[in-house]
């Protein structure tokens, strides 16, 4: 099992749960609104400390009707014994963790849906990156978006990157 699947995810409704339970909660959420359309997105943020932590969020939206999120906080000590030398390294780690979770989630969510004999109308194509055309991260947009596309997802940047800049940011 990949490192990103280990440990607990937080959801304000159900508390701390395992990765497999996240999948079950997502499928159950879609079953409750069978005729609705859904978006699944992933995003990550990081604290600006010398030893940062990285909250990575999975958001499932019932289009036009709200949604739910599941968040896993990965501590710096789990990732590396070295110091993060720059904010650029933190941004790249955010994208790496987002891609890692999105890849694992996409495969496992589809498998969970198939087991449930339920065929929801959902898309899982976006990863939200905490970069924007303004500010110090503007020079990283091409690099970040290429990394996301290289992993088979479409990037969204601020102000459209709410999974990273709003949901995950609340837990930095």
C-alpha atoms as a PDB file:
ATOM      1  CA  UNK A   1       0.000   0.000   0.000  1.00  0.00           C
ATOM      2  CA  UNK A   2       1.375   3.411  -0.908  1.00  0.00           C
ATOM      3  CA  UNK A   3       2.348   5.844   1.807  1.00  0.00           C
ATOM      4  CA  UNK A   4      -0.468   8.206   0.864  1.00  0.00           C
ATOM      5  CA  UNK A   5      -3.106   5.566   1.684  1.00  0.00           C
ATOM      6  CA  UNK A   6      -1.706   4.860   5.142  1.00  0.00           C
ATOM      7  CA  UNK A   7      -2.917   6.737   8.171  1.00  0.00           C
ATOM      8  CA  UNK A   8      -6.181   8.527   8.795  1.00  0.00           C
ATOM      9  CA  UNK A   9      -8.197  10.998   6.780  1.00  0.00           C
ATOM     10  CA  UNK A  10     -10.332  13.600   8.518  1.00  0.00           C
ATOM     11  CA  UNK A  11     -13.911  14.420   7.585  1.00  0.00           C
ATOM     12  CA  UNK A  12     -15.954  16.797   9.765  1.00  0.00           C
ATOM     13  CA  UNK A  13     -19.019  14.521   9.577  1.00  0.00           C
ATOM     14  CA  UNK A  14     -17.456  11.124  10.346  1.00  0.00           C
ATOM     15  CA  UNK A  15     -14.159  12.054  12.021  1.00  0.00           C
ATOM     16  CA  UNK A  16     -10.952  10.106  11.399  1.00  0.00           C
ATOM     17  CA  UNK A  17     -11.223   7.246   8.912  1.00  0.00           C
ATOM     18  CA  UNK A  18      -8.996   4.958   6.855  1.00  0.00           C
ATOM     19  CA  UNK A  19      -8.495   5.382   3.095  1.00  0.00           C
ATOM     20  CA  UNK A  20     -10.855   2.476   2.315  1.00  0.00           C
ATOM     21  CA  UNK A  21     -13.567   4.171   4.384  1.00  0.00           C
ATOM     22  CA  UNK A  22     -13.047   7.390   2.381  1.00  0.00           C
ATOM     23  CA  UNK A  23     -13.920   5.419  -0.752  1.00  0.00           C
ATOM     24  CA  UNK A  24     -17.027   3.964   0.886  1.00  0.00           C
ATOM     25  CA  UNK A  25     -18.142   7.397   2.097  1.00  0.00           C
ATOM     26  CA  UNK A  26     -17.679   8.864  -1.379  1.00  0.00           C
ATOM     27  CA  UNK A  27     -19.696   6.118  -3.076  1.00  0.00           C
ATOM     28  CA  UNK A  28     -22.431   6.358  -0.426  1.00  0.00           C
ATOM     29  CA  UNK A  29     -22.555  10.132  -0.920  1.00  0.00           C
ATOM     30  CA  UNK A  30     -23.054   9.675  -4.667  1.00  0.00           C
ATOM     31  CA  UNK A  31     -25.719   7.008  -4.086  1.00  0.00           C
ATOM     32  CA  UNK A  32     -27.748   9.447  -1.965  1.00  0.00           C
ATOM     33  CA  UNK A  33     -27.984  11.787  -4.939  1.00  0.00           C
ATOM     34  CA  UNK A  34     -28.190   9.180  -7.690  1.00  0.00           C
ATOM     35  CA  UNK A  35     -29.351  11.567 -10.402  1.00  0.00           C
ATOM     36  CA  UNK A  36     -26.821  14.288  -9.621  1.00  0.00           C
ATOM     37  CA  UNK A  37     -23.503  15.111 -11.309  1.00  0.00           C
ATOM     38  CA  UNK A  38     -20.286  14.937  -9.288  1.00  0.00           C
ATOM     39  CA  UNK A  39     -16.765  16.282  -9.472  1.00  0.00           C
ATOM     40  CA  UNK A  40     -13.892  14.743  -7.530  1.00  0.00           C
ATOM     41  CA  UNK A  41     -10.808  16.942  -7.080  1.00  0.00           C
ATOM     42  CA  UNK A  42      -7.593  16.784  -5.087  1.00  0.00           C
ATOM     43  CA  UNK A  43      -5.442  19.623  -3.766  1.00  0.00           C
ATOM     44  CA  UNK A  44      -2.702  20.221  -1.223  1.00  0.00           C
ATOM     45  CA  UNK A  45      -1.255  23.111   0.730  1.00  0.00           C
ATOM     46  CA  UNK A  46       1.693  23.412   3.097  1.00  0.00           C
ATOM     47  CA  UNK A  47       2.674  25.394   6.121  1.00  0.00           C
ATOM     48  CA  UNK A  48       5.561  27.842   5.764  1.00  0.00           C
ATOM     49  CA  UNK A  49       7.558  26.452   8.675  1.00  0.00           C
ATOM     50  CA  UNK A  50      11.067  25.003   8.395  1.00  0.00           C
ATOM     51  CA  UNK A  51       9.520  21.568   8.958  1.00  0.00           C
ATOM     52  CA  UNK A  52       6.197  22.004   7.141  1.00  0.00           C
ATOM     53  CA  UNK A  53       3.132  19.801   7.186  1.00  0.00           C
ATOM     54  CA  UNK A  54       1.102  19.073   4.072  1.00  0.00           C
ATOM     55  CA  UNK A  55      -2.682  18.776   4.290  1.00  0.00           C
ATOM     56  CA  UNK A  56      -3.888  17.047   1.134  1.00  0.00           C
ATOM     57  CA  UNK A  57      -7.628  17.206   0.440  1.00  0.00           C
ATOM     58  CA  UNK A  58     -10.070  15.112  -1.552  1.00  0.00           C
ATOM     59  CA  UNK A  59     -13.222  17.056  -2.384  1.00  0.00           C
ATOM     60  CA  UNK A  60     -16.365  15.507  -3.829  1.00  0.00           C
ATOM     61  CA  UNK A  61     -18.855  18.044  -5.142  1.00  0.00           C
ATOM     62  CA  UNK A  62     -22.480  17.439  -5.922  1.00  0.00           C
ATOM     63  CA  UNK A  63     -22.591  20.073  -8.636  1.00  0.00           C
ATOM     64  CA  UNK A  64     -24.518  23.111  -7.502  1.00  0.00           C
ATOM     65  CA  UNK A  65     -25.453  21.483  -4.188  1.00  0.00           C
ATOM     66  CA  UNK A  66     -22.355  21.470  -1.998  1.00  0.00           C
ATOM     67  CA  UNK A  67     -20.003  18.662  -1.223  1.00  0.00           C
ATOM     68  CA  UNK A  68     -17.795  16.858   1.254  1.00  0.00           C
ATOM     69  CA  UNK A  69     -14.072  16.713   1.847  1.00  0.00           C
ATOM     70  CA  UNK A  70     -11.570  14.289   3.308  1.00  0.00           C
ATOM     71  CA  UNK A  71      -8.204  15.536   4.454  1.00  0.00           C
ATOM     72  CA  UNK A  72      -4.949  13.822   5.314  1.00  0.00           C
ATOM     73  CA  UNK A  73      -2.228  15.790   7.050  1.00  0.00           C
ATOM     74  CA  UNK A  74       1.253  14.541   6.228  1.00  0.00           C
ATOM     75  CA  UNK A  75       3.983  15.791   8.510  1.00  0.00           C
ATOM     76  CA  UNK A  76       7.382  16.848   7.277  1.00  0.00           C
ATOM     77  CA  UNK A  77       9.125  14.194   9.377  1.00  0.00           C
ATOM     78  CA  UNK A  78       7.317  11.457   7.452  1.00  0.00           C
ATOM     79  CA  UNK A  79       8.488  12.841   4.124  1.00  0.00           C
ATOM     80  CA  UNK A  80      12.154  13.499   4.661  1.00  0.00           C
ATOM     81  CA  UNK A  81      14.941  13.960   7.151  1.00  0.00           C
ATOM     82  CA  UNK A  82      16.249  17.004   5.267  1.00  0.00           C
ATOM     83  CA  UNK A  83      15.188  20.620   5.572  1.00  0.00           C
ATOM     84  CA  UNK A  84      13.062  22.168   2.875  1.00  0.00           C
ATOM     85  CA  UNK A  85      15.377  24.678   1.270  1.00  0.00           C
ATOM     86  CA  UNK A  86      12.797  26.866  -0.392  1.00  0.00           C
ATOM     87  CA  UNK A  87       9.135  27.565  -0.915  1.00  0.00           C
ATOM     88  CA  UNK A  88       9.559  26.091  -4.420  1.00  0.00           C
ATOM     89  CA  UNK A  89      10.393  22.710  -2.910  1.00  0.00           C
ATOM     90  CA  UNK A  90       7.258  22.908  -0.773  1.00  0.00           C
ATOM     91  CA  UNK A  91       5.089  23.710  -3.805  1.00  0.00           C
ATOM     92  CA  UNK A  92       6.554  20.755  -5.708  1.00  0.00           C
ATOM     93  CA  UNK A  93       5.951  18.488  -2.705  1.00  0.00           C
ATOM     94  CA  UNK A  94       2.331  19.683  -2.617  1.00  0.00           C
ATOM     95  CA  UNK A  95       1.922  18.702  -6.268  1.00  0.00           C
ATOM     96  CA  UNK A  96       3.694  15.380  -5.757  1.00  0.00           C
ATOM     97  CA  UNK A  97       1.399  14.477  -2.848  1.00  0.00           C
ATOM     98  CA  UNK A  98      -1.684  15.612  -4.790  1.00  0.00           C
ATOM     99  CA  UNK A  99      -0.720  13.469  -7.782  1.00  0.00           C
ATOM    100  CA  UNK A 100       0.084  10.496  -5.582  1.00  0.00           C
ATOM    101  CA  UNK A 101      -3.292  10.669  -3.848  1.00  0.00           C
ATOM    102  CA  UNK A 102      -5.209  11.346  -7.067  1.00  0.00           C
ATOM    103  CA  UNK A 103      -3.657   8.359  -8.837  1.00  0.00           C
ATOM    104  CA  UNK A 104      -4.394   5.999  -5.937  1.00  0.00           C
ATOM    105  CA  UNK A 105      -7.869   7.410  -5.460  1.00  0.00           C
ATOM    106  CA  UNK A 106      -8.871   7.284  -9.132  1.00  0.00           C
ATOM    107  CA  UNK A 107      -8.086   3.591  -9.434  1.00  0.00           C
ATOM    108  CA  UNK A 108      -9.525   2.550  -6.073  1.00  0.00           C
ATOM    109  CA  UNK A 109     -12.658   4.699  -6.383  1.00  0.00           C
ATOM    110  CA  UNK A 110     -13.495   3.167  -9.753  1.00  0.00           C
ATOM    111  CA  UNK A 111     -12.994  -0.294  -8.280  1.00  0.00           C
ATOM    112  CA  UNK A 112     -15.254   0.546  -5.302  1.00  0.00           C
ATOM    113  CA  UNK A 113     -17.938   1.873  -7.657  1.00  0.00           C
ATOM    114  CA  UNK A 114     -17.817  -1.293  -9.763  1.00  0.00           C
ATOM    115  CA  UNK A 115     -18.218  -3.459  -6.637  1.00  0.00           C
ATOM    116  CA  UNK A 116     -21.287  -1.464  -5.609  1.00  0.00           C
ATOM    117  CA  UNK A 117     -23.120  -2.071  -8.915  1.00  0.00           C
ATOM    118  CA  UNK A 118     -23.762   1.643  -9.091  1.00  0.00           C
ATOM    119  CA  UNK A 119     -22.915   3.878 -12.031  1.00  0.00           C
ATOM    120  CA  UNK A 120     -22.728   7.507 -10.877  1.00  0.00           C
ATOM    121  CA  UNK A 121     -22.242  10.431 -13.195  1.00  0.00           C
ATOM    122  CA  UNK A 122     -18.903  11.792 -12.005  1.00  0.00           C
ATOM    123  CA  UNK A 123     -15.663  13.137 -13.326  1.00  0.00           C
ATOM    124  CA  UNK A 124     -12.251  13.021 -11.722  1.00  0.00           C
ATOM    125  CA  UNK A 125      -9.974  15.058 -13.907  1.00  0.00           C
ATOM    126  CA  UNK A 126      -8.656  18.007 -11.880  1.00  0.00           C
ATOM    127  CA  UNK A 127      -5.856  18.572  -9.423  1.00  0.00           C
ATOM    128  CA  UNK A 128      -5.852  21.969  -7.758  1.00  0.00           C
ATOM    129  CA  UNK A 129      -2.494  23.687  -7.316  1.00  0.00           C
ATOM    130  CA  UNK A 130      -1.811  26.481  -4.852  1.00  0.00           C
ATOM    131  CA  UNK A 131      -0.113  28.702  -7.453  1.00  0.00           C
ATOM    132  CA  UNK A 132      -1.362  31.799  -9.256  1.00  0.00           C
ATOM    133  CA  UNK A 133      -0.539  34.275 -11.994  1.00  0.00           C
ATOM    134  CA  UNK A 134       0.137  36.828  -9.265  1.00  0.00           C
ATOM    135  CA  UNK A 135       2.741  36.640  -6.533  1.00  0.00           C
ATOM    136  CA  UNK A 136       5.878  34.586  -6.116  1.00  0.00           C
ATOM    137  CA  UNK A 137       4.432  31.339  -7.490  1.00  0.00           C
ATOM    138  CA  UNK A 138       3.748  32.755 -10.972  1.00  0.00           C
ATOM    139  CA  UNK A 139       7.097  31.494 -12.281  1.00  0.00           C
ATOM    140  CA  UNK A 140       6.189  27.918 -11.338  1.00  0.00           C
ATOM    141  CA  UNK A 141       2.898  27.652 -13.239  1.00  0.00           C
ATOM    142  CA  UNK A 142       4.344  25.896 -16.304  1.00  0.00           C
ATOM    143  CA  UNK A 143       6.322  23.435 -14.203  1.00  0.00           C
ATOM    144  CA  UNK A 144       3.416  22.651 -11.883  1.00  0.00           C
ATOM    145  CA  UNK A 145       0.828  22.289 -14.641  1.00  0.00           C
ATOM    146  CA  UNK A 146       3.163  20.051 -16.670  1.00  0.00           C
ATOM    147  CA  UNK A 147       3.689  17.808 -13.657  1.00  0.00           C
ATOM    148  CA  UNK A 148      -0.061  17.494 -13.131  1.00  0.00           C
ATOM    149  CA  UNK A 149      -0.746  16.832 -16.824  1.00  0.00           C
ATOM    150  CA  UNK A 150       2.087  14.298 -16.882  1.00  0.00           C
ATOM    151  CA  UNK A 151       0.172  12.333 -14.262  1.00  0.00           C
ATOM    152  CA  UNK A 152      -3.003  12.299 -16.359  1.00  0.00           C
ATOM    153  CA  UNK A 153      -4.967  15.121 -14.740  1.00  0.00           C
ATOM    154  CA  UNK A 154      -5.873  18.673 -15.657  1.00  0.00           C
ATOM    155  CA  UNK A 155      -4.528  21.469 -13.453  1.00  0.00           C
ATOM    156  CA  UNK A 156      -6.525  24.273 -11.892  1.00  0.00           C
ATOM    157  CA  UNK A 157      -4.691  27.228 -10.370  1.00  0.00           C
ATOM    158  CA  UNK A 158      -5.859  30.053  -8.118  1.00  0.00           C
ATOM    159  CA  UNK A 159      -8.454  31.489  -8.032  1.00  0.00           C
ATOM    160  CA  UNK A 160     -10.066  28.245  -9.289  1.00  0.00           C
ATOM    161  CA  UNK A 161      -8.007  25.916  -7.073  1.00  0.00           C
ATOM    162  CA  UNK A 162     -10.312  25.824  -4.046  1.00  0.00           C
ATOM    163  CA  UNK A 163      -9.313  22.290  -2.934  1.00  0.00           C
ATOM    164  CA  UNK A 164      -5.768  23.576  -2.325  1.00  0.00           C
ATOM    165  CA  UNK A 165      -6.224  27.266  -1.556  1.00  0.00           C
ATOM    166  CA  UNK A 166      -9.353  27.016   0.608  1.00  0.00           C
ATOM    167  CA  UNK A 167     -10.008  23.470   1.859  1.00  0.00           C
ATOM    168  CA  UNK A 168      -6.420  22.297   2.464  1.00  0.00           C
ATOM    169  CA  UNK A 169      -5.337  25.814   3.470  1.00  0.00           C
ATOM    170  CA  UNK A 170      -7.745  25.736   6.441  1.00  0.00           C
ATOM    171  CA  UNK A 171      -5.619  22.952   7.925  1.00  0.00           C
ATOM    172  CA  UNK A 172      -2.085  24.332   7.401  1.00  0.00           C
END
